[in-house]
């Protein structure tokens, strides 16, 4: 997703999808802020000042969301920054300046959370929403701009704002959320560093900031994305500090950044998005990604596939011809 359309790479070339006023099944807007893949393989697209488009996997058509009449906002001009589906099948849309709008699995609007919404259990702390996460208890955490973090509990139909004791109180325009492996929630802020929340006590138990004296710890306070790995470690993208790899069990940090003297370093210290390792794991389980020794590739017929050959310098010229 880019500011200039949706790009699809098929292994050989890119195809760019752009709006077409003459085609009702074209993408709604060229400026894209977020992508989300549903269980049916459809791609949901959140636009800047353009609402939501849905690319149908079976037909290749772009549909306009919502599919049913809804006057909550102007869906032709609203900015949708984040899209999330919870374990109940509900669809959560995070917007710029209109809070969070929730649809059930049949695409009926069931809730709207915003600073001016009523009653009080729908009143959000800020109307700019960047990320969502669901904890093991089914509660939905909402990463909105400003101080604190919001949490909605389905069981009690109540919305809570969790604060930290430090003066910054998780302040920042954008927030990134992810679950840890020890009953905790990680909150990355764009300006106030990294926070850890105990999901049982519903309180902040730790905060991580750069240490300018030693150069250890978090490399930059401006966190743009968080991704956990299966070992409980945390990958942290920052805007200006490159990539961090954090092991909470040992409090060990590793930094990866732009180094002009190294050919294989990152090409920039400004990072904005990381692919969730769980997406790769699900693709491996589904057989969409396969890892195979080269010897096992003989006789294979491959269509609509992208092949990556590792350690190609160790192959023979005949083996290279397979590709």
C-alpha atoms as a PDB file:
ATOM      1  CA  UNK A   1       0.000   0.000   0.000  1.00  0.00           C
ATOM      2  CA  UNK A   2       1.429   3.375  -1.032  1.00  0.00           C
ATOM      3  CA  UNK A   3       0.386   7.011  -1.437  1.00  0.00           C
ATOM      4  CA  UNK A   4       0.043   6.281  -5.145  1.00  0.00           C
ATOM      5  CA  UNK A   5      -2.093   3.162  -5.289  1.00  0.00           C
ATOM      6  CA  UNK A   6      -2.066  -0.516  -4.354  1.00  0.00           C
ATOM      7  CA  UNK A   7       0.908  -2.441  -5.731  1.00  0.00           C
ATOM      8  CA  UNK A   8       0.777  -6.200  -6.358  1.00  0.00           C
ATOM      9  CA  UNK A   9       3.899  -8.203  -7.193  1.00  0.00           C
ATOM     10  CA  UNK A  10       3.353 -11.635  -8.771  1.00  0.00           C
ATOM     11  CA  UNK A  11       6.982 -12.695  -8.755  1.00  0.00           C
ATOM     12  CA  UNK A  12       7.758 -11.137 -12.106  1.00  0.00           C
ATOM     13  CA  UNK A  13       6.269  -7.654 -12.262  1.00  0.00           C
ATOM     14  CA  UNK A  14       4.220  -5.103 -10.362  1.00  0.00           C
ATOM     15  CA  UNK A  15       0.642  -4.190 -11.123  1.00  0.00           C
ATOM     16  CA  UNK A  16      -0.659  -0.898  -9.721  1.00  0.00           C
ATOM     17  CA  UNK A  17      -4.339  -0.439  -8.866  1.00  0.00           C
ATOM     18  CA  UNK A  18      -5.629   3.138  -9.039  1.00  0.00           C
ATOM     19  CA  UNK A  19      -9.080   4.760  -8.772  1.00  0.00           C
ATOM     20  CA  UNK A  20     -11.179   4.912 -11.926  1.00  0.00           C
ATOM     21  CA  UNK A  21     -14.327   7.083 -11.748  1.00  0.00           C
ATOM     22  CA  UNK A  22     -15.848   5.102 -14.630  1.00  0.00           C
ATOM     23  CA  UNK A  23     -15.402   1.746 -12.883  1.00  0.00           C
ATOM     24  CA  UNK A  24     -17.615   1.074  -9.812  1.00  0.00           C
ATOM     25  CA  UNK A  25     -15.374  -1.862  -8.898  1.00  0.00           C
ATOM     26  CA  UNK A  26     -12.109   0.103  -8.897  1.00  0.00           C
ATOM     27  CA  UNK A  27     -10.222   0.953  -5.699  1.00  0.00           C
ATOM     28  CA  UNK A  28     -11.751   3.994  -3.927  1.00  0.00           C
ATOM     29  CA  UNK A  29      -8.633   6.069  -3.295  1.00  0.00           C
ATOM     30  CA  UNK A  30      -4.974   5.971  -4.284  1.00  0.00           C
ATOM     31  CA  UNK A  31      -3.598   6.870  -0.837  1.00  0.00           C
ATOM     32  CA  UNK A  32      -3.319   3.784   1.397  1.00  0.00           C
ATOM     33  CA  UNK A  33      -2.498   3.710   5.122  1.00  0.00           C
ATOM     34  CA  UNK A  34      -3.180   0.112   6.140  1.00  0.00           C
ATOM     35  CA  UNK A  35      -3.819  -3.374   4.715  1.00  0.00           C
ATOM     36  CA  UNK A  36      -5.491  -6.315   6.396  1.00  0.00           C
ATOM     37  CA  UNK A  37      -6.099  -9.848   5.098  1.00  0.00           C
ATOM     38  CA  UNK A  38      -9.281 -11.602   6.291  1.00  0.00           C
ATOM     39  CA  UNK A  39      -9.849 -15.347   6.682  1.00  0.00           C
ATOM     40  CA  UNK A  40     -11.352 -15.622   3.184  1.00  0.00           C
ATOM     41  CA  UNK A  41      -8.257 -14.077   1.627  1.00  0.00           C
ATOM     42  CA  UNK A  42      -9.888 -10.725   0.879  1.00  0.00           C
ATOM     43  CA  UNK A  43      -7.687  -7.656   1.349  1.00  0.00           C
ATOM     44  CA  UNK A  44      -9.136  -4.752   3.332  1.00  0.00           C
ATOM     45  CA  UNK A  45      -7.620  -1.378   2.507  1.00  0.00           C
ATOM     46  CA  UNK A  46      -7.761   1.693   4.753  1.00  0.00           C
ATOM     47  CA  UNK A  47      -7.457   4.967   2.839  1.00  0.00           C
ATOM     48  CA  UNK A  48      -6.389   8.489   3.645  1.00  0.00           C
ATOM     49  CA  UNK A  49      -9.549  10.584   3.117  1.00  0.00           C
ATOM     50  CA  UNK A  50     -11.209   7.714   1.273  1.00  0.00           C
ATOM     51  CA  UNK A  51     -12.771   5.192   3.640  1.00  0.00           C
ATOM     52  CA  UNK A  52     -12.315   1.466   3.004  1.00  0.00           C
ATOM     53  CA  UNK A  53     -11.952  -0.667  -0.115  1.00  0.00           C
ATOM     54  CA  UNK A  54     -12.146  -4.471  -0.060  1.00  0.00           C
ATOM     55  CA  UNK A  55     -10.369  -6.488  -2.748  1.00  0.00           C
ATOM     56  CA  UNK A  56     -12.348  -9.689  -3.315  1.00  0.00           C
ATOM     57  CA  UNK A  57     -10.070 -12.671  -3.745  1.00  0.00           C
ATOM     58  CA  UNK A  58     -12.526 -14.626  -5.904  1.00  0.00           C
ATOM     59  CA  UNK A  59     -13.481 -11.873  -8.367  1.00  0.00           C
ATOM     60  CA  UNK A  60     -10.574  -9.412  -8.236  1.00  0.00           C
ATOM     61  CA  UNK A  61     -13.098  -6.590  -7.790  1.00  0.00           C
ATOM     62  CA  UNK A  62     -12.820  -3.769  -5.257  1.00  0.00           C
ATOM     63  CA  UNK A  63     -15.941  -3.367  -3.101  1.00  0.00           C
ATOM     64  CA  UNK A  64     -16.910  -0.233  -1.182  1.00  0.00           C
ATOM     65  CA  UNK A  65     -17.325  -0.608   2.581  1.00  0.00           C
ATOM     66  CA  UNK A  66     -19.642  -0.516   4.490  1.00  0.00           C
ATOM     67  CA  UNK A  67     -21.712  -3.029   2.577  1.00  0.00           C
ATOM     68  CA  UNK A  68     -24.880  -1.809   4.320  1.00  0.00           C
ATOM     69  CA  UNK A  69     -26.091   1.748   4.713  1.00  0.00           C
ATOM     70  CA  UNK A  70     -24.372   3.508   7.617  1.00  0.00           C
ATOM     71  CA  UNK A  71     -24.386   7.214   8.468  1.00  0.00           C
ATOM     72  CA  UNK A  72     -21.924   7.154  11.369  1.00  0.00           C
ATOM     73  CA  UNK A  73     -19.356   9.051   9.289  1.00  0.00           C
ATOM     74  CA  UNK A  74     -18.864  10.107   5.679  1.00  0.00           C
ATOM     75  CA  UNK A  75     -17.310   6.904   4.334  1.00  0.00           C
ATOM     76  CA  UNK A  76     -16.146   8.673   1.169  1.00  0.00           C
ATOM     77  CA  UNK A  77     -13.878  11.073   3.049  1.00  0.00           C
ATOM     78  CA  UNK A  78     -13.023   9.394   6.367  1.00  0.00           C
ATOM     79  CA  UNK A  79      -9.403   8.330   6.998  1.00  0.00           C
ATOM     80  CA  UNK A  80      -9.050   4.710   8.207  1.00  0.00           C
ATOM     81  CA  UNK A  81      -5.677   4.056   9.851  1.00  0.00           C
ATOM     82  CA  UNK A  82      -6.111   0.560  11.327  1.00  0.00           C
ATOM     83  CA  UNK A  83      -8.243  -2.537  10.714  1.00  0.00           C
ATOM     84  CA  UNK A  84      -8.590  -5.446  13.156  1.00  0.00           C
ATOM     85  CA  UNK A  85     -10.846  -8.497  13.608  1.00  0.00           C
ATOM     86  CA  UNK A  86     -11.386  -9.933  17.076  1.00  0.00           C
ATOM     87  CA  UNK A  87     -12.061 -13.544  18.066  1.00  0.00           C
ATOM     88  CA  UNK A  88     -15.820 -12.942  17.893  1.00  0.00           C
ATOM     89  CA  UNK A  89     -15.534 -11.951  14.251  1.00  0.00           C
ATOM     90  CA  UNK A  90     -16.164  -8.277  14.935  1.00  0.00           C
ATOM     91  CA  UNK A  91     -14.393  -5.774  12.710  1.00  0.00           C
ATOM     92  CA  UNK A  92     -12.715  -2.783  14.388  1.00  0.00           C
ATOM     93  CA  UNK A  93     -11.822   0.279  12.316  1.00  0.00           C
ATOM     94  CA  UNK A  94      -9.500   2.918  13.762  1.00  0.00           C
ATOM     95  CA  UNK A  95      -9.884   6.349  12.176  1.00  0.00           C
ATOM     96  CA  UNK A  96      -8.392   9.807  12.162  1.00  0.00           C
ATOM     97  CA  UNK A  97     -10.645  12.127  14.150  1.00  0.00           C
ATOM     98  CA  UNK A  98     -13.693   9.819  14.293  1.00  0.00           C
ATOM     99  CA  UNK A  99     -12.581   7.282  16.906  1.00  0.00           C
ATOM    100  CA  UNK A 100     -13.300   3.579  16.523  1.00  0.00           C
ATOM    101  CA  UNK A 101     -16.242   2.051  14.659  1.00  0.00           C
ATOM    102  CA  UNK A 102     -17.130  -1.624  15.215  1.00  0.00           C
ATOM    103  CA  UNK A 103     -19.078  -3.947  12.911  1.00  0.00           C
ATOM    104  CA  UNK A 104     -20.223  -7.493  13.647  1.00  0.00           C
ATOM    105  CA  UNK A 105     -19.412 -10.457  11.368  1.00  0.00           C
ATOM    106  CA  UNK A 106     -22.538  -9.672   9.325  1.00  0.00           C
ATOM    107  CA  UNK A 107     -21.234  -6.105   8.839  1.00  0.00           C
ATOM    108  CA  UNK A 108     -23.864  -4.435  11.029  1.00  0.00           C
ATOM    109  CA  UNK A 109     -22.496  -1.489  13.003  1.00  0.00           C
ATOM    110  CA  UNK A 110     -22.645  -2.409  16.696  1.00  0.00           C
ATOM    111  CA  UNK A 111     -20.546   0.270  18.411  1.00  0.00           C
ATOM    112  CA  UNK A 112     -18.878   3.641  17.998  1.00  0.00           C
ATOM    113  CA  UNK A 113     -16.224   4.857  20.435  1.00  0.00           C
ATOM    114  CA  UNK A 114     -15.180   8.533  20.336  1.00  0.00           C
ATOM    115  CA  UNK A 115     -14.533  11.513  22.604  1.00  0.00           C
ATOM    116  CA  UNK A 116     -18.079  12.832  22.150  1.00  0.00           C
ATOM    117  CA  UNK A 117     -19.900   9.487  22.002  1.00  0.00           C
ATOM    118  CA  UNK A 118     -22.591   8.612  24.529  1.00  0.00           C
ATOM    119  CA  UNK A 119     -23.091   6.930  26.939  1.00  0.00           C
ATOM    120  CA  UNK A 120     -19.847   7.125  28.936  1.00  0.00           C
ATOM    121  CA  UNK A 121     -18.919   3.506  28.187  1.00  0.00           C
ATOM    122  CA  UNK A 122     -18.379   4.598  24.554  1.00  0.00           C
ATOM    123  CA  UNK A 123     -16.265   7.658  25.368  1.00  0.00           C
ATOM    124  CA  UNK A 124     -12.727   7.262  23.997  1.00  0.00           C
ATOM    125  CA  UNK A 125      -9.749   9.264  25.278  1.00  0.00           C
ATOM    126  CA  UNK A 126      -8.758  10.413  21.768  1.00  0.00           C
ATOM    127  CA  UNK A 127     -10.329  10.219  18.303  1.00  0.00           C
ATOM    128  CA  UNK A 128      -7.123   9.281  16.450  1.00  0.00           C
ATOM    129  CA  UNK A 129      -6.751   5.471  16.633  1.00  0.00           C
ATOM    130  CA  UNK A 130      -3.668   3.597  15.391  1.00  0.00           C
ATOM    131  CA  UNK A 131      -3.729  -0.001  16.631  1.00  0.00           C
ATOM    132  CA  UNK A 132      -5.749  -2.746  18.343  1.00  0.00           C
ATOM    133  CA  UNK A 133      -4.902  -5.895  20.291  1.00  0.00           C
ATOM    134  CA  UNK A 134      -7.047  -8.581  21.925  1.00  0.00           C
ATOM    135  CA  UNK A 135      -5.837 -10.125  25.174  1.00  0.00           C
ATOM    136  CA  UNK A 136      -6.482 -13.747  26.268  1.00  0.00           C
ATOM    137  CA  UNK A 137      -9.564 -12.596  28.205  1.00  0.00           C
ATOM    138  CA  UNK A 138     -11.180 -11.210  25.048  1.00  0.00           C
ATOM    139  CA  UNK A 139     -10.694  -7.573  26.053  1.00  0.00           C
ATOM    140  CA  UNK A 140      -9.863  -5.192  23.221  1.00  0.00           C
ATOM    141  CA  UNK A 141      -7.018  -2.716  23.720  1.00  0.00           C
ATOM    142  CA  UNK A 142      -7.212   0.464  21.655  1.00  0.00           C
ATOM    143  CA  UNK A 143      -4.040   2.406  20.876  1.00  0.00           C
ATOM    144  CA  UNK A 144      -5.230   5.994  20.509  1.00  0.00           C
ATOM    145  CA  UNK A 145      -3.159   9.177  20.349  1.00  0.00           C
ATOM    146  CA  UNK A 146      -2.381  11.134  23.497  1.00  0.00           C
ATOM    147  CA  UNK A 147      -1.972   9.946  27.057  1.00  0.00           C
ATOM    148  CA  UNK A 148      -3.000   6.572  28.475  1.00  0.00           C
ATOM    149  CA  UNK A 149      -4.395   3.564  26.676  1.00  0.00           C
ATOM    150  CA  UNK A 150      -8.021   2.437  26.273  1.00  0.00           C
ATOM    151  CA  UNK A 151      -9.407  -1.035  26.952  1.00  0.00           C
ATOM    152  CA  UNK A 152     -12.920  -2.323  26.202  1.00  0.00           C
ATOM    153  CA  UNK A 153     -14.315  -5.271  28.162  1.00  0.00           C
ATOM    154  CA  UNK A 154     -17.153  -7.145  26.408  1.00  0.00           C
ATOM    155  CA  UNK A 155     -18.178  -8.939  29.612  1.00  0.00           C
ATOM    156  CA  UNK A 156     -19.015  -5.722  31.438  1.00  0.00           C
ATOM    157  CA  UNK A 157     -19.664  -3.576  28.339  1.00  0.00           C
ATOM    158  CA  UNK A 158     -17.280  -1.000  29.788  1.00  0.00           C
ATOM    159  CA  UNK A 159     -14.464   1.143  28.434  1.00  0.00           C
ATOM    160  CA  UNK A 160     -11.462   1.911  30.657  1.00  0.00           C
ATOM    161  CA  UNK A 161      -8.420   4.169  30.292  1.00  0.00           C
ATOM    162  CA  UNK A 162      -5.205   2.837  31.845  1.00  0.00           C
ATOM    163  CA  UNK A 163      -2.585   5.416  32.871  1.00  0.00           C
ATOM    164  CA  UNK A 164       1.049   5.209  33.931  1.00  0.00           C
ATOM    165  CA  UNK A 165       2.568   7.051  36.879  1.00  0.00           C
ATOM    166  CA  UNK A 166       5.292   8.861  34.934  1.00  0.00           C
ATOM    167  CA  UNK A 167       4.669  12.409  33.629  1.00  0.00           C
ATOM    168  CA  UNK A 168       4.615  11.277  29.976  1.00  0.00           C
ATOM    169  CA  UNK A 169       1.815   8.739  30.634  1.00  0.00           C
ATOM    170  CA  UNK A 170       2.342   6.912  27.295  1.00  0.00           C
ATOM    171  CA  UNK A 171       1.956  10.183  25.425  1.00  0.00           C
ATOM    172  CA  UNK A 172       2.537  10.137  21.676  1.00  0.00           C
ATOM    173  CA  UNK A 173       0.621  10.622  18.458  1.00  0.00           C
ATOM    174  CA  UNK A 174       0.778   6.979  17.345  1.00  0.00           C
ATOM    175  CA  UNK A 175       0.819   3.772  19.399  1.00  0.00           C
ATOM    176  CA  UNK A 176       1.742   0.173  18.521  1.00  0.00           C
ATOM    177  CA  UNK A 177       0.461  -2.785  20.571  1.00  0.00           C
ATOM    178  CA  UNK A 178       1.361  -6.449  20.887  1.00  0.00           C
ATOM    179  CA  UNK A 179       0.926  -9.248  23.399  1.00  0.00           C
ATOM    180  CA  UNK A 180       3.868 -10.651  25.331  1.00  0.00           C
ATOM    181  CA  UNK A 181       4.319 -14.276  26.376  1.00  0.00           C
ATOM    182  CA  UNK A 182       4.056 -13.779  30.139  1.00  0.00           C
ATOM    183  CA  UNK A 183       0.602 -12.254  30.551  1.00  0.00           C
ATOM    184  CA  UNK A 184       1.595  -8.766  29.531  1.00  0.00           C
ATOM    185  CA  UNK A 185       0.887  -6.162  26.867  1.00  0.00           C
ATOM    186  CA  UNK A 186       3.580  -4.105  25.150  1.00  0.00           C
ATOM    187  CA  UNK A 187       2.782  -0.522  24.197  1.00  0.00           C
ATOM    188  CA  UNK A 188       5.110   1.324  21.841  1.00  0.00           C
ATOM    189  CA  UNK A 189       4.617   5.082  21.746  1.00  0.00           C
ATOM    190  CA  UNK A 190       5.747   7.661  19.226  1.00  0.00           C
ATOM    191  CA  UNK A 191       7.694   9.788  21.678  1.00  0.00           C
ATOM    192  CA  UNK A 192       7.516   8.259  25.164  1.00  0.00           C
ATOM    193  CA  UNK A 193       9.292   4.947  24.608  1.00  0.00           C
ATOM    194  CA  UNK A 194       8.156   1.407  25.410  1.00  0.00           C
ATOM    195  CA  UNK A 195       5.726   0.398  28.179  1.00  0.00           C
ATOM    196  CA  UNK A 196       4.815  -2.973  29.669  1.00  0.00           C
ATOM    197  CA  UNK A 197       1.326  -3.505  31.129  1.00  0.00           C
ATOM    198  CA  UNK A 198       0.345  -6.341  33.451  1.00  0.00           C
ATOM    199  CA  UNK A 199      -2.929  -7.680  32.045  1.00  0.00           C
ATOM    200  CA  UNK A 200      -4.028  -9.158  35.344  1.00  0.00           C
ATOM    201  CA  UNK A 201      -3.444  -6.076  37.482  1.00  0.00           C
ATOM    202  CA  UNK A 202      -4.245  -3.664  34.613  1.00  0.00           C
ATOM    203  CA  UNK A 203      -1.301  -1.439  35.439  1.00  0.00           C
ATOM    204  CA  UNK A 204       1.994  -0.321  33.922  1.00  0.00           C
ATOM    205  CA  UNK A 205       4.841  -2.330  35.439  1.00  0.00           C
ATOM    206  CA  UNK A 206       7.820  -1.127  33.400  1.00  0.00           C
ATOM    207  CA  UNK A 207       9.020   1.524  30.985  1.00  0.00           C
ATOM    208  CA  UNK A 208      11.997   1.462  28.621  1.00  0.00           C
ATOM    209  CA  UNK A 209      13.850   4.531  27.315  1.00  0.00           C
ATOM    210  CA  UNK A 210      17.163   5.225  25.575  1.00  0.00           C
ATOM    211  CA  UNK A 211      20.244   5.585  27.762  1.00  0.00           C
ATOM    212  CA  UNK A 212      22.305   8.368  26.165  1.00  0.00           C
ATOM    213  CA  UNK A 213      25.228   7.787  28.562  1.00  0.00           C
ATOM    214  CA  UNK A 214      25.808   4.118  27.723  1.00  0.00           C
ATOM    215  CA  UNK A 215      24.054   3.805  24.354  1.00  0.00           C
ATOM    216  CA  UNK A 216      22.246   0.733  25.712  1.00  0.00           C
ATOM    217  CA  UNK A 217      18.527   0.105  25.934  1.00  0.00           C
ATOM    218  CA  UNK A 218      15.989   1.418  23.454  1.00  0.00           C
ATOM    219  CA  UNK A 219      17.675   3.248  20.570  1.00  0.00           C
ATOM    220  CA  UNK A 220      14.953   5.889  20.083  1.00  0.00           C
ATOM    221  CA  UNK A 221      11.807   7.028  21.915  1.00  0.00           C
ATOM    222  CA  UNK A 222       9.773   7.178  18.685  1.00  0.00           C
ATOM    223  CA  UNK A 223       8.436   3.636  18.226  1.00  0.00           C
ATOM    224  CA  UNK A 224       6.525   2.903  15.023  1.00  0.00           C
ATOM    225  CA  UNK A 225       5.846  -0.849  15.251  1.00  0.00           C
ATOM    226  CA  UNK A 226       6.205  -3.874  17.533  1.00  0.00           C
ATOM    227  CA  UNK A 227       6.363  -7.565  16.588  1.00  0.00           C
ATOM    228  CA  UNK A 228       6.957 -10.459  19.034  1.00  0.00           C
ATOM    229  CA  UNK A 229       8.685 -13.661  17.998  1.00  0.00           C
ATOM    230  CA  UNK A 230       7.787 -17.156  19.200  1.00  0.00           C
ATOM    231  CA  UNK A 231      10.530 -17.044  21.826  1.00  0.00           C
ATOM    232  CA  UNK A 232       9.012 -14.070  23.628  1.00  0.00           C
ATOM    233  CA  UNK A 233      11.531 -11.569  22.309  1.00  0.00           C
ATOM    234  CA  UNK A 234      10.464  -8.284  20.781  1.00  0.00           C
ATOM    235  CA  UNK A 235      11.330  -6.606  17.477  1.00  0.00           C
ATOM    236  CA  UNK A 236      10.921  -2.838  17.700  1.00  0.00           C
ATOM    237  CA  UNK A 237      10.906  -0.450  14.737  1.00  0.00           C
ATOM    238  CA  UNK A 238      11.775   3.172  15.458  1.00  0.00           C
ATOM    239  CA  UNK A 239      11.704   6.421  13.531  1.00  0.00           C
ATOM    240  CA  UNK A 240      15.338   7.478  13.727  1.00  0.00           C
ATOM    241  CA  UNK A 241      16.881   4.641  15.752  1.00  0.00           C
ATOM    242  CA  UNK A 242      16.645   1.738  13.330  1.00  0.00           C
ATOM    243  CA  UNK A 243      15.594  -1.723  14.520  1.00  0.00           C
ATOM    244  CA  UNK A 244      15.791  -3.020  18.106  1.00  0.00           C
ATOM    245  CA  UNK A 245      15.760  -6.648  19.281  1.00  0.00           C
ATOM    246  CA  UNK A 246      14.822  -6.933  22.951  1.00  0.00           C
ATOM    247  CA  UNK A 247      14.906  -9.978  25.224  1.00  0.00           C
ATOM    248  CA  UNK A 248      12.733  -9.166  28.271  1.00  0.00           C
ATOM    249  CA  UNK A 249      13.961 -12.247  30.175  1.00  0.00           C
ATOM    250  CA  UNK A 250      17.569 -10.990  30.212  1.00  0.00           C
ATOM    251  CA  UNK A 251      17.004  -7.252  29.579  1.00  0.00           C
ATOM    252  CA  UNK A 252      19.365  -7.582  26.613  1.00  0.00           C
ATOM    253  CA  UNK A 253      19.164  -5.195  23.638  1.00  0.00           C
ATOM    254  CA  UNK A 254      20.565  -5.429  20.120  1.00  0.00           C
ATOM    255  CA  UNK A 255      20.476  -2.571  17.624  1.00  0.00           C
ATOM    256  CA  UNK A 256      20.403  -2.741  13.826  1.00  0.00           C
ATOM    257  CA  UNK A 257      20.702   0.455  11.840  1.00  0.00           C
ATOM    258  CA  UNK A 258      22.048   2.204   8.793  1.00  0.00           C
ATOM    259  CA  UNK A 259      25.819   1.861   8.499  1.00  0.00           C
ATOM    260  CA  UNK A 260      27.230   3.314   5.264  1.00  0.00           C
ATOM    261  CA  UNK A 261      30.411   1.271   5.650  1.00  0.00           C
ATOM    262  CA  UNK A 262      28.421  -2.006   5.620  1.00  0.00           C
ATOM    263  CA  UNK A 263      26.767  -3.078   2.366  1.00  0.00           C
ATOM    264  CA  UNK A 264      24.219  -5.305   4.122  1.00  0.00           C
ATOM    265  CA  UNK A 265      23.032  -2.863   6.779  1.00  0.00           C
ATOM    266  CA  UNK A 266      19.588  -1.276   6.822  1.00  0.00           C
ATOM    267  CA  UNK A 267      19.225   1.446   4.197  1.00  0.00           C
ATOM    268  CA  UNK A 268      17.659   3.834   6.738  1.00  0.00           C
ATOM    269  CA  UNK A 269      17.189   4.315  10.474  1.00  0.00           C
ATOM    270  CA  UNK A 270      13.590   5.418   9.904  1.00  0.00           C
ATOM    271  CA  UNK A 271      11.422   2.266   9.981  1.00  0.00           C
ATOM    272  CA  UNK A 272       7.641   2.259   9.883  1.00  0.00           C
ATOM    273  CA  UNK A 273       6.292  -1.278   9.564  1.00  0.00           C
ATOM    274  CA  UNK A 274       7.308  -4.854  10.417  1.00  0.00           C
ATOM    275  CA  UNK A 275       5.762  -8.090   9.143  1.00  0.00           C
ATOM    276  CA  UNK A 276       4.309 -10.145  11.968  1.00  0.00           C
ATOM    277  CA  UNK A 277       6.225 -13.425  12.272  1.00  0.00           C
ATOM    278  CA  UNK A 278       2.915 -15.145  13.046  1.00  0.00           C
ATOM    279  CA  UNK A 279       1.778 -14.401   9.478  1.00  0.00           C
ATOM    280  CA  UNK A 280       4.785 -16.321   8.170  1.00  0.00           C
ATOM    281  CA  UNK A 281       4.132 -19.184  10.607  1.00  0.00           C
ATOM    282  CA  UNK A 282       0.476 -19.463   9.484  1.00  0.00           C
ATOM    283  CA  UNK A 283       1.581 -19.453   5.836  1.00  0.00           C
ATOM    284  CA  UNK A 284       4.036 -22.272   6.578  1.00  0.00           C
ATOM    285  CA  UNK A 285       1.314 -24.311   8.291  1.00  0.00           C
ATOM    286  CA  UNK A 286      -1.081 -23.732   5.376  1.00  0.00           C
ATOM    287  CA  UNK A 287       1.540 -24.754   2.837  1.00  0.00           C
ATOM    288  CA  UNK A 288       1.554 -21.303   1.224  1.00  0.00           C
ATOM    289  CA  UNK A 289       5.255 -21.018   2.061  1.00  0.00           C
ATOM    290  CA  UNK A 290       7.409 -24.116   1.699  1.00  0.00           C
ATOM    291  CA  UNK A 291      11.046 -24.607   2.640  1.00  0.00           C
ATOM    292  CA  UNK A 292      12.645 -27.480   0.740  1.00  0.00           C
ATOM    293  CA  UNK A 293      16.175 -28.727  -0.008  1.00  0.00           C
ATOM    294  CA  UNK A 294      17.244 -28.099  -3.587  1.00  0.00           C
ATOM    295  CA  UNK A 295      17.484 -31.844  -4.228  1.00  0.00           C
ATOM    296  CA  UNK A 296      13.754 -32.151  -3.542  1.00  0.00           C
ATOM    297  CA  UNK A 297      12.857 -29.600  -6.227  1.00  0.00           C
ATOM    298  CA  UNK A 298      13.598 -31.846  -9.210  1.00  0.00           C
ATOM    299  CA  UNK A 299      10.449 -32.738 -11.122  1.00  0.00           C
ATOM    300  CA  UNK A 300       8.338 -30.089  -9.398  1.00  0.00           C
ATOM    301  CA  UNK A 301       5.856 -28.111 -11.495  1.00  0.00           C
ATOM    302  CA  UNK A 302       5.551 -24.604 -10.145  1.00  0.00           C
ATOM    303  CA  UNK A 303       2.853 -22.118 -11.159  1.00  0.00           C
ATOM    304  CA  UNK A 304       2.079 -18.772  -9.535  1.00  0.00           C
ATOM    305  CA  UNK A 305       5.115 -19.204  -7.315  1.00  0.00           C
ATOM    306  CA  UNK A 306       7.978 -17.031  -6.148  1.00  0.00           C
ATOM    307  CA  UNK A 307      11.170 -19.036  -5.543  1.00  0.00           C
ATOM    308  CA  UNK A 308      14.046 -17.817  -3.400  1.00  0.00           C
ATOM    309  CA  UNK A 309      17.280 -19.794  -3.690  1.00  0.00           C
ATOM    310  CA  UNK A 310      19.523 -19.487  -0.647  1.00  0.00           C
ATOM    311  CA  UNK A 311      23.285 -20.096  -0.839  1.00  0.00           C
ATOM    312  CA  UNK A 312      23.121 -20.036  -4.647  1.00  0.00           C
ATOM    313  CA  UNK A 313      26.917 -19.879  -4.858  1.00  0.00           C
ATOM    314  CA  UNK A 314      26.972 -23.560  -3.874  1.00  0.00           C
ATOM    315  CA  UNK A 315      24.796 -24.746  -6.774  1.00  0.00           C
ATOM    316  CA  UNK A 316      25.913 -26.169 -10.090  1.00  0.00           C
ATOM    317  CA  UNK A 317      25.131 -24.552 -13.425  1.00  0.00           C
ATOM    318  CA  UNK A 318      22.577 -27.292 -14.156  1.00  0.00           C
ATOM    319  CA  UNK A 319      20.832 -26.693 -10.831  1.00  0.00           C
ATOM    320  CA  UNK A 320      20.667 -22.991 -11.577  1.00  0.00           C
ATOM    321  CA  UNK A 321      18.818 -23.753 -14.815  1.00  0.00           C
ATOM    322  CA  UNK A 322      15.910 -25.039 -12.714  1.00  0.00           C
ATOM    323  CA  UNK A 323      15.174 -21.410 -11.918  1.00  0.00           C
END
